[in-house]
Structure formats: structure tokens, C-alpha cells
Amino acid sequence: MATTRPAPANDPSRAAVGRLAPRYQPMAHPGTPGRWNDEAILRALREWTNETGRPRRRQEWCGQQPELAEAGQRKWMREHPYWPSSSCVAVHFGSWSKARKPPA
């Protein structure tokens, strides 16, 4: 059986033992608080449909995974904050689906 020695402590390939991960620090929201109300969000949803010719999708109104973004998401990222984020829509209406089908 071969004997192995531990790697030197300054070896960057070793995991940091005993060190705590940095605490989570939420990013400051880039938008203006209170900018969006229900009416303005519904207007933006209708305008998006008119401009693109199809219903909006939640995945398009966010900045997640920009390297994998399709055309609709790239449009949203280019033009934000003209359009609200999907999370803003969900906060106002309870979910993305409820915003797409507001009560009559």
C-alpha cells in the first residue's frame, strides 16, 4: 500500500478548510421603488404583445442566464427598465400567470 502525504497548505487545489463562506449580500435593486403599479404593468404586457406579435413569457422578462438568452429576453435586457421584471409582475399579481389573465 502506498503512503501519501497531504498536499501543502498553500496548494490552491485544496479546499479551504475551516473558513466560512462569505455571507450572502443581496444586490441593490436597480429599479426605482414604486415605479410600477398594476395598471402600468398591464399596459406593458399588452404593449409587449403588440410589439412582438406574441404573448410575453416569464423567462423573457428577467436577466437570468444572459449567455443563453433568446431574442425576447435579449430585447428585455436591452430595453430594461422600460419593461418591468418578471419578479415585479409576480409581486403585484401574485404570479406571472395571474398577471397574464387579470380579473375582468
PDB file of N, CA and C in Angstrom:
ATOM      1  N   MET A   1       0.843  -1.168   0.000  1.00  0.00           N
ATOM      2  CA  MET A   1       0.000   0.000   0.000  1.00  0.00           C
ATOM      3  C   MET A   1       0.889   1.233   0.000  1.00  0.00           C
ATOM      4  N   ALA A   2       0.557   2.172  -0.879  1.00  0.00           N
ATOM      5  CA  ALA A   2       1.363   3.388  -0.989  1.00  0.00           C
ATOM      6  C   ALA A   2       0.959   4.376   0.086  1.00  0.00           C
ATOM      7  N   THR A   3       1.936   5.084   0.560  1.00  0.00           N
ATOM      8  CA  THR A   3       1.681   6.113   1.559  1.00  0.00           C
ATOM      9  C   THR A   3       1.615   7.451   0.842  1.00  0.00           C
ATOM     10  N   THR A   4       0.611   8.243   1.159  1.00  0.00           N
ATOM     11  CA  THR A   4       0.514   9.567   0.545  1.00  0.00           C
ATOM     12  C   THR A   4       0.658  10.624   1.613  1.00  0.00           C
ATOM     13  N   ARG A   5       1.219  11.712   1.218  1.00  0.00           N
ATOM     14  CA  ARG A   5       1.382  12.830   2.131  1.00  0.00           C
ATOM     15  C   ARG A   5       0.355  13.896   1.778  1.00  0.00           C
ATOM     16  N   PRO A   6      -0.122  14.623   2.756  1.00  0.00           N
ATOM     17  CA  PRO A   6      -1.067  15.695   2.443  1.00  0.00           C
ATOM     18  C   PRO A   6      -0.400  16.770   1.595  1.00  0.00           C
ATOM     19  N   ALA A   7      -1.204  17.399   0.757  1.00  0.00           N
ATOM     20  CA  ALA A   7      -0.683  18.493  -0.073  1.00  0.00           C
ATOM     21  C   ALA A   7      -0.322  19.663   0.815  1.00  0.00           C
ATOM     22  N   PRO A   8       0.617  20.487   0.389  1.00  0.00           N
ATOM     23  CA  PRO A   8       0.977  21.666   1.182  1.00  0.00           C
ATOM     24  C   PRO A   8      -0.239  22.562   1.406  1.00  0.00           C
ATOM     25  N   ALA A   9      -0.261  23.244   2.519  1.00  0.00           N
ATOM     26  CA  ALA A   9      -1.399  24.094   2.888  1.00  0.00           C
ATOM     27  C   ALA A   9      -1.620  25.221   1.886  1.00  0.00           C
ATOM     28  N   ASN A  10      -0.559  25.657   1.209  1.00  0.00           N
ATOM     29  CA  ASN A  10      -0.720  26.764   0.268  1.00  0.00           C
ATOM     30  C   ASN A  10      -1.074  26.267  -1.140  1.00  0.00           C
ATOM     31  N   ASP A  11      -1.404  24.996  -1.277  1.00  0.00           N
ATOM     32  CA  ASP A  11      -1.784  24.416  -2.566  1.00  0.00           C
ATOM     33  C   ASP A  11      -3.183  24.919  -2.927  1.00  0.00           C
ATOM     34  N   PRO A  12      -3.326  25.679  -4.049  1.00  0.00           N
ATOM     35  CA  PRO A  12      -4.635  26.240  -4.401  1.00  0.00           C
ATOM     36  C   PRO A  12      -5.655  25.177  -4.775  1.00  0.00           C
ATOM     37  N   SER A  13      -5.227  23.949  -5.025  1.00  0.00           N
ATOM     38  CA  SER A  13      -6.184  22.910  -5.392  1.00  0.00           C
ATOM     39  C   SER A  13      -6.915  22.342  -4.176  1.00  0.00           C
ATOM     40  N   ARG A  14      -6.434  22.656  -2.994  1.00  0.00           N
ATOM     41  CA  ARG A  14      -7.084  22.155  -1.776  1.00  0.00           C
ATOM     42  C   ARG A  14      -8.250  23.049  -1.397  1.00  0.00           C
ATOM     43  N   ALA A  15      -9.291  22.436  -0.915  1.00  0.00           N
ATOM     44  CA  ALA A  15     -10.449  23.207  -0.452  1.00  0.00           C
ATOM     45  C   ALA A  15     -10.077  23.945   0.823  1.00  0.00           C
ATOM     46  N   ALA A  16     -10.645  25.098   0.992  1.00  0.00           N
ATOM     47  CA  ALA A  16     -10.396  25.862   2.217  1.00  0.00           C
ATOM     48  C   ALA A  16     -11.122  25.168   3.360  1.00  0.00           C
ATOM     49  N   VAL A  17     -10.369  24.747   4.323  1.00  0.00           N
ATOM     50  CA  VAL A  17     -10.941  24.038   5.468  1.00  0.00           C
ATOM     51  C   VAL A  17     -11.025  25.009   6.629  1.00  0.00           C
ATOM     52  N   GLY A  18     -12.164  25.029   7.286  1.00  0.00           N
ATOM     53  CA  GLY A  18     -12.306  25.871   8.459  1.00  0.00           C
ATOM     54  C   GLY A  18     -12.660  27.314   8.153  1.00  0.00           C
ATOM     55  N   ARG A  19     -12.733  27.684   6.890  1.00  0.00           N
ATOM     56  CA  ARG A  19     -13.111  29.053   6.534  1.00  0.00           C
ATOM     57  C   ARG A  19     -14.596  29.092   6.215  1.00  0.00           C
ATOM     58  N   LEU A  20     -15.258  30.105   6.700  1.00  0.00           N
ATOM     59  CA  LEU A  20     -16.675  30.263   6.413  1.00  0.00           C
ATOM     60  C   LEU A  20     -16.855  30.948   5.066  1.00  0.00           C
ATOM     61  N   ALA A  21     -17.895  30.553   4.356  1.00  0.00           N
ATOM     62  CA  ALA A  21     -18.218  31.217   3.096  1.00  0.00           C
ATOM     63  C   ALA A  21     -18.678  32.635   3.409  1.00  0.00           C
ATOM     64  N   PRO A  22     -18.429  33.567   2.504  1.00  0.00           N
ATOM     65  CA  PRO A  22     -18.891  34.932   2.761  1.00  0.00           C
ATOM     66  C   PRO A  22     -20.411  34.962   2.895  1.00  0.00           C
ATOM     67  N   ARG A  23     -20.912  35.837   3.744  1.00  0.00           N
ATOM     68  CA  ARG A  23     -22.360  35.955   3.935  1.00  0.00           C
ATOM     69  C   ARG A  23     -23.016  36.458   2.665  1.00  0.00           C
ATOM     70  N   TYR A  24     -24.217  35.998   2.433  1.00  0.00           N
ATOM     71  CA  TYR A  24     -24.986  36.442   1.271  1.00  0.00           C
ATOM     72  C   TYR A  24     -25.294  37.925   1.398  1.00  0.00           C
ATOM     73  N   GLN A  25     -25.014  38.652   0.372  1.00  0.00           N
ATOM     74  CA  GLN A  25     -25.304  40.077   0.336  1.00  0.00           C
ATOM     75  C   GLN A  25     -26.200  40.345  -0.869  1.00  0.00           C
ATOM     76  N   PRO A  26     -27.485  40.583  -0.664  1.00  0.00           N
ATOM     77  CA  PRO A  26     -28.352  40.834  -1.815  1.00  0.00           C
ATOM     78  C   PRO A  26     -27.918  42.100  -2.536  1.00  0.00           C
ATOM     79  N   MET A  27     -28.066  42.075  -3.847  1.00  0.00           N
ATOM     80  CA  MET A  27     -27.722  43.245  -4.650  1.00  0.00           C
ATOM     81  C   MET A  27     -28.822  44.287  -4.494  1.00  0.00           C
ATOM     82  N   ALA A  28     -28.447  45.519  -4.576  1.00  0.00           N
ATOM     83  CA  ALA A  28     -29.442  46.585  -4.554  1.00  0.00           C
ATOM     84  C   ALA A  28     -30.271  46.478  -5.825  1.00  0.00           C
ATOM     85  N   HIS A  29     -31.574  46.633  -5.700  1.00  0.00           N
ATOM     86  CA  HIS A  29     -32.436  46.544  -6.874  1.00  0.00           C
ATOM     87  C   HIS A  29     -32.159  47.737  -7.779  1.00  0.00           C
ATOM     88  N   PRO A  30     -31.982  47.485  -9.090  1.00  0.00           N
ATOM     89  CA  PRO A  30     -31.618  48.579  -9.987  1.00  0.00           C
ATOM     90  C   PRO A  30     -32.773  49.514 -10.329  1.00  0.00           C
ATOM     91  N   GLY A  31     -34.005  49.079 -10.073  1.00  0.00           N
ATOM     92  CA  GLY A  31     -35.158  49.891 -10.458  1.00  0.00           C
ATOM     93  C   GLY A  31     -35.521  50.940  -9.427  1.00  0.00           C
ATOM     94  N   THR A  32     -36.449  51.786  -9.813  1.00  0.00           N
ATOM     95  CA  THR A  32     -36.951  52.825  -8.927  1.00  0.00           C
ATOM     96  C   THR A  32     -38.114  52.254  -8.128  1.00  0.00           C
ATOM     97  N   PRO A  33     -38.032  52.235  -6.787  1.00  0.00           N
ATOM     98  CA  PRO A  33     -39.128  51.698  -5.980  1.00  0.00           C
ATOM     99  C   PRO A  33     -40.439  52.430  -6.277  1.00  0.00           C
ATOM    100  N   GLY A  34     -41.512  51.667  -6.397  1.00  0.00           N
ATOM    101  CA  GLY A  34     -42.824  52.247  -6.625  1.00  0.00           C
ATOM    102  C   GLY A  34     -43.083  52.697  -8.051  1.00  0.00           C
ATOM    103  N   ARG A  35     -42.166  52.436  -8.947  1.00  0.00           N
ATOM    104  CA  ARG A  35     -42.320  52.880 -10.338  1.00  0.00           C
ATOM    105  C   ARG A  35     -43.478  52.184 -11.031  1.00  0.00           C
ATOM    106  N   TRP A  36     -43.677  50.910 -10.717  1.00  0.00           N
ATOM    107  CA  TRP A  36     -44.688  50.115 -11.393  1.00  0.00           C
ATOM    108  C   TRP A  36     -45.920  49.930 -10.523  1.00  0.00           C
ATOM    109  N   ASN A  37     -47.096  50.204 -11.102  1.00  0.00           N
ATOM    110  CA  ASN A  37     -48.348  49.852 -10.448  1.00  0.00           C
ATOM    111  C   ASN A  37     -49.054  48.847 -11.362  1.00  0.00           C
ATOM    112  N   ASP A  38     -50.162  48.290 -10.907  1.00  0.00           N
ATOM    113  CA  ASP A  38     -50.845  47.251 -11.674  1.00  0.00           C
ATOM    114  C   ASP A  38     -51.212  47.713 -13.080  1.00  0.00           C
ATOM    115  N   GLU A  39     -51.753  48.898 -13.182  1.00  0.00           N
ATOM    116  CA  GLU A  39     -52.177  49.422 -14.486  1.00  0.00           C
ATOM    117  C   GLU A  39     -51.000  49.560 -15.449  1.00  0.00           C
ATOM    118  N   ALA A  40     -49.886  50.086 -14.970  1.00  0.00           N
ATOM    119  CA  ALA A  40     -48.702  50.258 -15.819  1.00  0.00           C
ATOM    120  C   ALA A  40     -48.137  48.903 -16.256  1.00  0.00           C
ATOM    121  N   ILE A  41     -48.177  47.930 -15.365  1.00  0.00           N
ATOM    122  CA  ILE A  41     -47.690  46.592 -15.710  1.00  0.00           C
ATOM    123  C   ILE A  41     -48.570  45.972 -16.786  1.00  0.00           C
ATOM    124  N   LEU A  42     -49.886  46.062 -16.624  1.00  0.00           N
ATOM    125  CA  LEU A  42     -50.794  45.506 -17.633  1.00  0.00           C
ATOM    126  C   LEU A  42     -50.610  46.198 -18.986  1.00  0.00           C
ATOM    127  N   ARG A  43     -50.385  47.500 -18.960  1.00  0.00           N
ATOM    128  CA  ARG A  43     -50.128  48.241 -20.192  1.00  0.00           C
ATOM    129  C   ARG A  43     -48.841  47.740 -20.854  1.00  0.00           C
ATOM    130  N   ALA A  44     -47.803  47.508 -20.045  1.00  0.00           N
ATOM    131  CA  ALA A  44     -46.532  46.994 -20.586  1.00  0.00           C
ATOM    132  C   ALA A  44     -46.710  45.593 -21.173  1.00  0.00           C
ATOM    133  N   LEU A  45     -47.496  44.765 -20.498  1.00  0.00           N
ATOM    134  CA  LEU A  45     -47.744  43.413 -21.016  1.00  0.00           C
ATOM    135  C   LEU A  45     -48.452  43.472 -22.375  1.00  0.00           C
ATOM    136  N   ARG A  46     -49.445  44.344 -22.498  1.00  0.00           N
ATOM    137  CA  ARG A  46     -50.157  44.491 -23.783  1.00  0.00           C
ATOM    138  C   ARG A  46     -49.228  45.051 -24.852  1.00  0.00           C
ATOM    139  N   GLU A  47     -48.432  46.040 -24.492  1.00  0.00           N
ATOM    140  CA  GLU A  47     -47.515  46.657 -25.453  1.00  0.00           C
ATOM    141  C   GLU A  47     -46.491  45.638 -25.964  1.00  0.00           C
ATOM    142  N   TRP A  48     -45.986  44.794 -25.053  1.00  0.00           N
ATOM    143  CA  TRP A  48     -45.027  43.758 -25.450  1.00  0.00           C
ATOM    144  C   TRP A  48     -45.656  42.838 -26.501  1.00  0.00           C
ATOM    145  N   THR A  49     -46.897  42.431 -26.255  1.00  0.00           N
ATOM    146  CA  THR A  49     -47.596  41.550 -27.190  1.00  0.00           C
ATOM    147  C   THR A  49     -47.774  42.247 -28.538  1.00  0.00           C
ATOM    148  N   ASN A  50     -48.130  43.528 -28.521  1.00  0.00           N
ATOM    149  CA  ASN A  50     -48.282  44.275 -29.769  1.00  0.00           C
ATOM    150  C   ASN A  50     -46.966  44.393 -30.529  1.00  0.00           C
ATOM    151  N   GLU A  51     -45.869  44.636 -29.809  1.00  0.00           N
ATOM    152  CA  GLU A  51     -44.560  44.800 -30.459  1.00  0.00           C
ATOM    153  C   GLU A  51     -43.994  43.497 -30.997  1.00  0.00           C
ATOM    154  N   THR A  52     -44.154  42.431 -30.246  1.00  0.00           N
ATOM    155  CA  THR A  52     -43.518  41.163 -30.639  1.00  0.00           C
ATOM    156  C   THR A  52     -44.452  40.250 -31.418  1.00  0.00           C
ATOM    157  N   GLY A  53     -45.758  40.522 -31.347  1.00  0.00           N
ATOM    158  CA  GLY A  53     -46.715  39.702 -32.076  1.00  0.00           C
ATOM    159  C   GLY A  53     -47.059  38.382 -31.393  1.00  0.00           C
ATOM    160  N   ARG A  54     -46.672  38.251 -30.145  1.00  0.00           N
ATOM    161  CA  ARG A  54     -46.993  37.025 -29.411  1.00  0.00           C
ATOM    162  C   ARG A  54     -47.033  37.335 -27.920  1.00  0.00           C
ATOM    163  N   PRO A  55     -47.702  36.473 -27.148  1.00  0.00           N
ATOM    164  CA  PRO A  55     -47.765  36.717 -25.700  1.00  0.00           C
ATOM    165  C   PRO A  55     -46.375  36.696 -25.060  1.00  0.00           C
ATOM    166  N   ARG A  56     -46.237  37.449 -24.009  1.00  0.00           N
ATOM    167  CA  ARG A  56     -44.962  37.513 -23.274  1.00  0.00           C
ATOM    168  C   ARG A  56     -44.782  36.244 -22.449  1.00  0.00           C
ATOM    169  N   ARG A  57     -43.526  35.932 -22.191  1.00  0.00           N
ATOM    170  CA  ARG A  57     -43.186  34.761 -21.373  1.00  0.00           C
ATOM    171  C   ARG A  57     -42.366  35.230 -20.178  1.00  0.00           C
ATOM    172  N   ARG A  58     -42.585  34.584 -19.036  1.00  0.00           N
ATOM    173  CA  ARG A  58     -41.870  34.970 -17.818  1.00  0.00           C
ATOM    174  C   ARG A  58     -40.364  34.949 -18.018  1.00  0.00           C
ATOM    175  N   GLN A  59     -39.858  33.938 -18.705  1.00  0.00           N
ATOM    176  CA  GLN A  59     -38.415  33.790 -18.884  1.00  0.00           C
ATOM    177  C   GLN A  59     -37.814  34.961 -19.668  1.00  0.00           C
ATOM    178  N   GLU A  60     -38.628  35.640 -20.449  1.00  0.00           N
ATOM    179  CA  GLU A  60     -38.111  36.759 -21.236  1.00  0.00           C
ATOM    180  C   GLU A  60     -37.898  38.015 -20.392  1.00  0.00           C
ATOM    181  N   TRP A  61     -38.632  38.169 -19.324  1.00  0.00           N
ATOM    182  CA  TRP A  61     -38.561  39.397 -18.543  1.00  0.00           C
ATOM    183  C   TRP A  61     -37.669  39.239 -17.317  1.00  0.00           C
ATOM    184  N   CYS A  62     -36.530  38.651 -17.506  1.00  0.00           N
ATOM    185  CA  CYS A  62     -35.562  38.517 -16.416  1.00  0.00           C
ATOM    186  C   CYS A  62     -34.159  38.533 -16.997  1.00  0.00           C
ATOM    187  N   GLY A  63     -33.191  38.732 -16.147  1.00  0.00           N
ATOM    188  CA  GLY A  63     -31.799  38.773 -16.587  1.00  0.00           C
ATOM    189  C   GLY A  63     -31.042  37.491 -16.295  1.00  0.00           C
ATOM    190  N   GLN A  64     -31.768  36.414 -15.960  1.00  0.00           N
ATOM    191  CA  GLN A  64     -31.110  35.150 -15.620  1.00  0.00           C
ATOM    192  C   GLN A  64     -30.460  34.532 -16.858  1.00  0.00           C
ATOM    193  N   GLN A  65     -29.290  33.995 -16.659  1.00  0.00           N
ATOM    194  CA  GLN A  65     -28.530  33.287 -17.689  1.00  0.00           C
ATOM    195  C   GLN A  65     -28.476  34.053 -19.007  1.00  0.00           C
ATOM    196  N   PRO A  66     -27.933  35.254 -19.006  1.00  0.00           N
ATOM    197  CA  PRO A  66     -27.903  36.057 -20.228  1.00  0.00           C
ATOM    198  C   PRO A  66     -27.153  35.388 -21.372  1.00  0.00           C
ATOM    199  N   GLU A  67     -26.209  34.522 -21.027  1.00  0.00           N
ATOM    200  CA  GLU A  67     -25.444  33.840 -22.087  1.00  0.00           C
ATOM    201  C   GLU A  67     -26.311  32.858 -22.876  1.00  0.00           C
ATOM    202  N   LEU A  68     -27.474  32.483 -22.336  1.00  0.00           N
ATOM    203  CA  LEU A  68     -28.392  31.565 -23.013  1.00  0.00           C
ATOM    204  C   LEU A  68     -29.652  32.279 -23.510  1.00  0.00           C
ATOM    205  N   ALA A  69     -29.662  33.601 -23.427  1.00  0.00           N
ATOM    206  CA  ALA A  69     -30.862  34.372 -23.747  1.00  0.00           C
ATOM    207  C   ALA A  69     -31.277  34.222 -25.206  1.00  0.00           C
ATOM    208  N   GLU A  70     -32.582  34.077 -25.374  1.00  0.00           N
ATOM    209  CA  GLU A  70     -33.162  34.071 -26.712  1.00  0.00           C
ATOM    210  C   GLU A  70     -33.573  35.498 -27.066  1.00  0.00           C
ATOM    211  N   ALA A  71     -34.120  35.688 -28.250  1.00  0.00           N
ATOM    212  CA  ALA A  71     -34.416  37.032 -28.766  1.00  0.00           C
ATOM    213  C   ALA A  71     -35.283  37.872 -27.823  1.00  0.00           C
ATOM    214  N   GLY A  72     -36.361  37.301 -27.287  1.00  0.00           N
ATOM    215  CA  GLY A  72     -37.236  38.067 -26.405  1.00  0.00           C
ATOM    216  C   GLY A  72     -36.532  38.534 -25.150  1.00  0.00           C
ATOM    217  N   GLN A  73     -35.736  37.671 -24.557  1.00  0.00           N
ATOM    218  CA  GLN A  73     -35.010  38.051 -23.339  1.00  0.00           C
ATOM    219  C   GLN A  73     -33.938  39.088 -23.656  1.00  0.00           C
ATOM    220  N   ARG A  74     -33.273  38.959 -24.794  1.00  0.00           N
ATOM    221  CA  ARG A  74     -32.270  39.970 -25.171  1.00  0.00           C
ATOM    222  C   ARG A  74     -32.934  41.335 -25.358  1.00  0.00           C
ATOM    223  N   LYS A  75     -34.139  41.341 -25.948  1.00  0.00           N
ATOM    224  CA  LYS A  75     -34.896  42.593 -26.113  1.00  0.00           C
ATOM    225  C   LYS A  75     -35.180  43.202 -24.735  1.00  0.00           C
ATOM    226  N   TRP A  76     -35.687  42.370 -23.807  1.00  0.00           N
ATOM    227  CA  TRP A  76     -35.995  42.872 -22.470  1.00  0.00           C
ATOM    228  C   TRP A  76     -34.742  43.432 -21.802  1.00  0.00           C
ATOM    229  N   MET A  77     -33.625  42.714 -21.874  1.00  0.00           N
ATOM    230  CA  MET A  77     -32.388  43.171 -21.221  1.00  0.00           C
ATOM    231  C   MET A  77     -31.891  44.473 -21.842  1.00  0.00           C
ATOM    232  N   ARG A  78     -31.999  44.602 -23.149  1.00  0.00           N
ATOM    233  CA  ARG A  78     -31.572  45.831 -23.832  1.00  0.00           C
ATOM    234  C   ARG A  78     -32.412  47.021 -23.397  1.00  0.00           C
ATOM    235  N   GLU A  79     -33.711  46.801 -23.228  1.00  0.00           N
ATOM    236  CA  GLU A  79     -34.640  47.897 -23.003  1.00  0.00           C
ATOM    237  C   GLU A  79     -35.032  48.117 -21.536  1.00  0.00           C
ATOM    238  N   HIS A  80     -34.630  47.222 -20.650  1.00  0.00           N
ATOM    239  CA  HIS A  80     -34.951  47.377 -19.227  1.00  0.00           C
ATOM    240  C   HIS A  80     -34.276  48.643 -18.698  1.00  0.00           C
ATOM    241  N   PRO A  81     -34.934  49.480 -17.942  1.00  0.00           N
ATOM    242  CA  PRO A  81     -36.144  49.276 -17.155  1.00  0.00           C
ATOM    243  C   PRO A  81     -37.431  49.751 -17.830  1.00  0.00           C
ATOM    244  N   TYR A  82     -37.452  49.871 -19.160  1.00  0.00           N
ATOM    245  CA  TYR A  82     -38.695  50.228 -19.840  1.00  0.00           C
ATOM    246  C   TYR A  82     -39.775  49.192 -19.546  1.00  0.00           C
ATOM    247  N   TRP A  83     -39.366  47.927 -19.435  1.00  0.00           N
ATOM    248  CA  TRP A  83     -40.280  46.831 -19.100  1.00  0.00           C
ATOM    249  C   TRP A  83     -40.045  46.423 -17.648  1.00  0.00           C
ATOM    250  N   PRO A  84     -41.105  46.052 -16.924  1.00  0.00           N
ATOM    251  CA  PRO A  84     -40.881  45.562 -15.555  1.00  0.00           C
ATOM    252  C   PRO A  84     -40.246  44.174 -15.591  1.00  0.00           C
ATOM    253  N   SER A  85     -39.671  43.755 -14.494  1.00  0.00           N
ATOM    254  CA  SER A  85     -39.101  42.405 -14.415  1.00  0.00           C
ATOM    255  C   SER A  85     -40.216  41.407 -14.109  1.00  0.00           C
ATOM    256  N   SER A  86     -39.944  40.147 -14.395  1.00  0.00           N
ATOM    257  CA  SER A  86     -40.941  39.108 -14.105  1.00  0.00           C
ATOM    258  C   SER A  86     -41.229  39.030 -12.609  1.00  0.00           C
ATOM    259  N   SER A  87     -40.228  39.276 -11.783  1.00  0.00           N
ATOM    260  CA  SER A  87     -40.464  39.238 -10.330  1.00  0.00           C
ATOM    261  C   SER A  87     -41.341  40.403  -9.888  1.00  0.00           C
ATOM    262  N   CYS A  88     -41.195  41.557 -10.508  1.00  0.00           N
ATOM    263  CA  CYS A  88     -42.049  42.702 -10.207  1.00  0.00           C
ATOM    264  C   CYS A  88     -43.495  42.362 -10.559  1.00  0.00           C
ATOM    265  N   VAL A  89     -43.698  41.755 -11.721  1.00  0.00           N
ATOM    266  CA  VAL A  89     -45.041  41.367 -12.150  1.00  0.00           C
ATOM    267  C   VAL A  89     -45.646  40.382 -11.145  1.00  0.00           C
ATOM    268  N   ALA A  90     -44.866  39.385 -10.751  1.00  0.00           N
ATOM    269  CA  ALA A  90     -45.358  38.364  -9.815  1.00  0.00           C
ATOM    270  C   ALA A  90     -45.696  38.967  -8.451  1.00  0.00           C
ATOM    271  N   VAL A  91     -44.911  39.925  -7.985  1.00  0.00           N
ATOM    272  CA  VAL A  91     -45.192  40.563  -6.691  1.00  0.00           C
ATOM    273  C   VAL A  91     -46.526  41.311  -6.752  1.00  0.00           C
ATOM    274  N   HIS A  92     -46.768  42.001  -7.848  1.00  0.00           N
ATOM    275  CA  HIS A  92     -48.000  42.782  -7.974  1.00  0.00           C
ATOM    276  C   HIS A  92     -49.251  41.921  -8.134  1.00  0.00           C
ATOM    277  N   PHE A  93     -49.126  40.799  -8.834  1.00  0.00           N
ATOM    278  CA  PHE A  93     -50.304  39.999  -9.162  1.00  0.00           C
ATOM    279  C   PHE A  93     -50.363  38.648  -8.457  1.00  0.00           C
ATOM    280  N   GLY A  94     -49.319  38.300  -7.732  1.00  0.00           N
ATOM    281  CA  GLY A  94     -49.298  37.012  -7.042  1.00  0.00           C
ATOM    282  C   GLY A  94     -48.600  35.931  -7.831  1.00  0.00           C
ATOM    283  N   SER A  95     -48.602  36.046  -9.150  1.00  0.00           N
ATOM    284  CA  SER A  95     -47.869  35.123 -10.014  1.00  0.00           C
ATOM    285  C   SER A  95     -47.865  35.706 -11.426  1.00  0.00           C
ATOM    286  N   TRP A  96     -46.981  35.179 -12.239  1.00  0.00           N
ATOM    287  CA  TRP A  96     -46.907  35.607 -13.638  1.00  0.00           C
ATOM    288  C   TRP A  96     -48.209  35.235 -14.355  1.00  0.00           C
ATOM    289  N   SER A  97     -48.714  34.054 -14.098  1.00  0.00           N
ATOM    290  CA  SER A  97     -49.939  33.583 -14.755  1.00  0.00           C
ATOM    291  C   SER A  97     -51.132  34.476 -14.437  1.00  0.00           C
ATOM    292  N   LYS A  98     -51.243  34.918 -13.196  1.00  0.00           N
ATOM    293  CA  LYS A  98     -52.364  35.781 -12.811  1.00  0.00           C
ATOM    294  C   LYS A  98     -52.279  37.130 -13.513  1.00  0.00           C
ATOM    295  N   ALA A  99     -51.087  37.626 -13.771  1.00  0.00           N
ATOM    296  CA  ALA A  99     -50.938  38.898 -14.478  1.00  0.00           C
ATOM    297  C   ALA A  99     -51.344  38.748 -15.939  1.00  0.00           C
ATOM    298  N   ARG A 100     -51.121  37.592 -16.491  1.00  0.00           N
ATOM    299  CA  ARG A 100     -51.492  37.364 -17.893  1.00  0.00           C
ATOM    300  C   ARG A 100     -52.990  37.280 -18.068  1.00  0.00           C
ATOM    301  N   LYS A 101     -53.706  36.895 -16.998  1.00  0.00           N
ATOM    302  CA  LYS A 101     -55.156  36.762 -17.061  1.00  0.00           C
ATOM    303  C   LYS A 101     -55.784  37.527 -15.910  1.00  0.00           C
ATOM    304  N   PRO A 102     -55.711  38.862 -15.975  1.00  0.00           N
ATOM    305  CA  PRO A 102     -56.273  39.652 -14.875  1.00  0.00           C
ATOM    306  C   PRO A 102     -57.783  39.486 -14.797  1.00  0.00           C
ATOM    307  N   PRO A 103     -58.363  39.674 -13.602  1.00  0.00           N
ATOM    308  CA  PRO A 103     -59.808  39.546 -13.470  1.00  0.00           C
ATOM    309  C   PRO A 103     -60.532  40.564 -14.337  1.00  0.00           C
ATOM    310  N   ALA A 104     -61.695  40.192 -14.838  1.00  0.00           N
ATOM    311  CA  ALA A 104     -62.465  41.062 -15.734  1.00  0.00           C
ATOM    312  C   ALA A 104     -63.122  42.196 -15.003  1.00  0.00           C
TER     313      ALA A 104
END
